[in-house]
C-alpha atoms as a PDB file:
ATOM      1  CA  MET A   1       2.848   0.316 -12.091  1.00  0.00           C
ATOM      2  CA  GLN A   2       6.431  -0.536 -11.138  1.00  0.00           C
ATOM      3  CA  SER A   3       7.395  -3.533  -9.062  1.00  0.00           C
ATOM      4  CA  GLY A   4       7.883  -1.659  -5.736  1.00  0.00           C
ATOM      5  CA  VAL A   5       4.290  -0.697  -4.987  1.00  0.00           C
ATOM      6  CA  LYS A   6       3.016  -3.765  -6.817  1.00  0.00           C
ATOM      7  CA  LYS A   7       4.929  -5.958  -4.326  1.00  0.00           C
ATOM      8  CA  ILE A   8       3.404  -4.067  -1.409  1.00  0.00           C
ATOM      9  CA  LEU A   9      -0.108  -4.383  -2.848  1.00  0.00           C
ATOM     10  CA  ARG A  10       0.444  -8.104  -3.498  1.00  0.00           C
ATOM     11  CA  TRP A  11       1.765  -8.603   0.052  1.00  0.00           C
ATOM     12  CA  MET A  12      -1.258  -6.820   1.556  1.00  0.00           C
ATOM     13  CA  PHE A  13      -3.645  -8.702  -0.749  1.00  0.00           C
ATOM     14  CA  ASN A  14      -2.129 -12.092   0.140  1.00  0.00           C
ATOM     15  CA  LYS A  15      -2.252 -11.265   3.877  1.00  0.00           C
ATOM     16  CA  ARG A  16      -5.934 -10.271   3.413  1.00  0.00           C
ATOM     17  CA  MET A  17      -5.387  -6.750   4.771  1.00  0.00           C
ATOM     18  CA  ILE A  18      -8.725  -5.655   3.371  1.00  0.00           C
ATOM     19  CA  GLY A  19     -11.100  -3.400   5.268  1.00  0.00           C
ATOM     20  CA  GLY A  20     -10.690  -4.192   8.971  1.00  0.00           C
ATOM     21  CA  LYS A  21      -7.227  -5.780   8.997  1.00  0.00           C
ATOM     22  CA  HIS A  22      -4.455  -3.207   8.674  1.00  0.00           C
ATOM     23  CA  THR A  23      -0.718  -2.535   8.927  1.00  0.00           C
ATOM     24  CA  PRO A  24       1.216   0.551  10.118  1.00  0.00           C
ATOM     25  CA  GLU A  25       2.066   3.073   7.430  1.00  0.00           C
ATOM     26  CA  ALA A  26       5.655   3.079   8.720  1.00  0.00           C
ATOM     27  CA  ARG A  27       5.989  -0.569   7.641  1.00  0.00           C
ATOM     28  CA  VAL A  28       4.900   0.258   4.089  1.00  0.00           C
ATOM     29  CA  LEU A  29       7.316   3.191   3.899  1.00  0.00           C
ATOM     30  CA  GLN A  30      10.075   0.967   5.271  1.00  0.00           C
ATOM     31  CA  MET A  31       9.389  -1.559   2.500  1.00  0.00           C
ATOM     32  CA  ILE A  32       9.859   1.256  -0.026  1.00  0.00           C
ATOM     33  CA  HIS A  33      13.066   2.316   1.747  1.00  0.00           C
ATOM     34  CA  TYR A  34      14.602  -1.139   1.156  1.00  0.00           C
ATOM     35  CA  LEU A  35      14.161  -0.897  -2.623  1.00  0.00           C
ATOM     36  CA  PRO A  36      17.141   0.082  -4.781  1.00  0.00           C
ATOM     37  CA  ARG A  37      17.794   3.856  -4.871  1.00  0.00           C
ATOM     38  CA  ASP A  38      16.587   4.347  -8.434  1.00  0.00           C
ATOM     39  CA  GLU A  39      13.270   2.615  -7.676  1.00  0.00           C
ATOM     40  CA  GLN A  40      12.579   4.449  -4.391  1.00  0.00           C
ATOM     41  CA  LYS A  41      11.515   7.759  -5.937  1.00  0.00           C
ATOM     42  CA  ILE A  42       9.301   5.988  -8.473  1.00  0.00           C
ATOM     43  CA  ALA A  43       7.741   3.865  -5.720  1.00  0.00           C
ATOM     44  CA  LEU A  44       7.013   6.924  -3.555  1.00  0.00           C
ATOM     45  CA  ASN A  45       5.288   8.619  -6.497  1.00  0.00           C
ATOM     46  CA  GLU A  46       3.226   5.478  -7.147  1.00  0.00           C
ATOM     47  CA  TYR A  47       2.427   5.260  -3.426  1.00  0.00           C
ATOM     48  CA  GLU A  48       0.996   8.787  -3.572  1.00  0.00           C
ATOM     49  CA  GLU A  49      -0.892   7.903  -6.769  1.00  0.00           C
ATOM     50  CA  CYS A  50      -2.498   4.889  -5.030  1.00  0.00           C
ATOM     51  CA  ILE A  51      -3.576   7.206  -2.227  1.00  0.00           C
ATOM     52  CA  LYS A  52      -5.180   9.581  -4.752  1.00  0.00           C
ATOM     53  CA  GLN A  53      -6.961   6.665  -6.455  1.00  0.00           C
ATOM     54  CA  LYS A  54      -8.270   5.618  -3.019  1.00  0.00           C
ATOM     55  CA  GLN A  55      -6.887   2.088  -3.249  1.00  0.00           C
ATOM     56  CA  TRP A  56      -5.795   2.421   0.386  1.00  0.00           C
ATOM     57  CA  ILE A  57      -7.777   3.501   3.420  1.00  0.00           C
ATOM     58  CA  PHE A  58      -5.972   5.268   6.269  1.00  0.00           C
ATOM     59  CA  ARG A  59      -6.992   5.063   9.909  1.00  0.00           C
ATOM     60  CA  MET A  60      -5.434   6.786  12.893  1.00  0.00           C
ATOM     61  CA  LYS A  61      -4.943   4.553  15.907  1.00  0.00           C
ATOM     62  CA  LYS A  62      -5.055   5.633  19.563  1.00  0.00           C
ATOM     63  CA  THR A  63      -1.262   5.880  19.572  1.00  0.00           C
ATOM     64  CA  GLY A  64      -1.396   8.522  16.840  1.00  0.00           C
ATOM     65  CA  ALA A  65       0.120   6.224  14.211  1.00  0.00           C
ATOM     66  CA  TRP A  66      -1.526   5.894  10.813  1.00  0.00           C
ATOM     67  CA  HIS A  67      -2.502   2.416   9.662  1.00  0.00           C
ATOM     68  CA  ILE A  68      -3.253   1.333   6.089  1.00  0.00           C
ATOM     69  CA  THR A  69      -5.714  -1.186   4.720  1.00  0.00           C
ATOM     70  CA  LEU A  70      -6.807  -2.020   1.190  1.00  0.00           C
ATOM     71  CA  ASN A  71     -10.054  -0.442   0.077  1.00  0.00           C
ATOM     72  CA  PRO A  72     -12.651  -3.261  -0.153  1.00  0.00           C
ATOM     73  CA  ASN A  73     -14.484  -1.402  -2.924  1.00  0.00           C
ATOM     74  CA  MET A  74     -11.355  -1.449  -5.128  1.00  0.00           C
ATOM     75  CA  ILE A  75     -10.366  -5.125  -4.707  1.00  0.00           C
ATOM     76  CA  ASP A  76     -11.187  -6.096  -8.308  1.00  0.00           C
ATOM     77  CA  GLU A  77      -9.030  -3.265  -9.677  1.00  0.00           C
ATOM     78  CA  ILE A  78      -6.172  -4.072  -7.286  1.00  0.00           C
ATOM     79  CA  ALA A  79      -6.313  -7.771  -8.264  1.00  0.00           C
ATOM     80  CA  ARG A  80      -6.020  -6.808 -11.954  1.00  0.00           C
ATOM     81  CA  GLU A  81      -3.019  -4.535 -11.257  1.00  0.00           C
ATOM     82  CA  ILE A  82      -1.014  -7.103  -9.305  1.00  0.00           C
ATOM     83  CA  GLY A  83      -1.708  -9.813 -11.856  1.00  0.00           C
END
């Protein structure tokens, strides 16, 4: 895993965004947008891979915006990945 998504996972892990606590998906995509150009495409692919591995849980809020939280069942695996 490259540093882009690893930084996002570490940030969410340190802020304890696990299960009930969440952040807007737009914020995560904005964090990817601020990476250097060559890392952005790699980070987006890794972002999609994390979704497929179910490391993140998505919830739709009343406003229609998607929010992301870390999957509590995958915390051990996420902790190993971020070091």
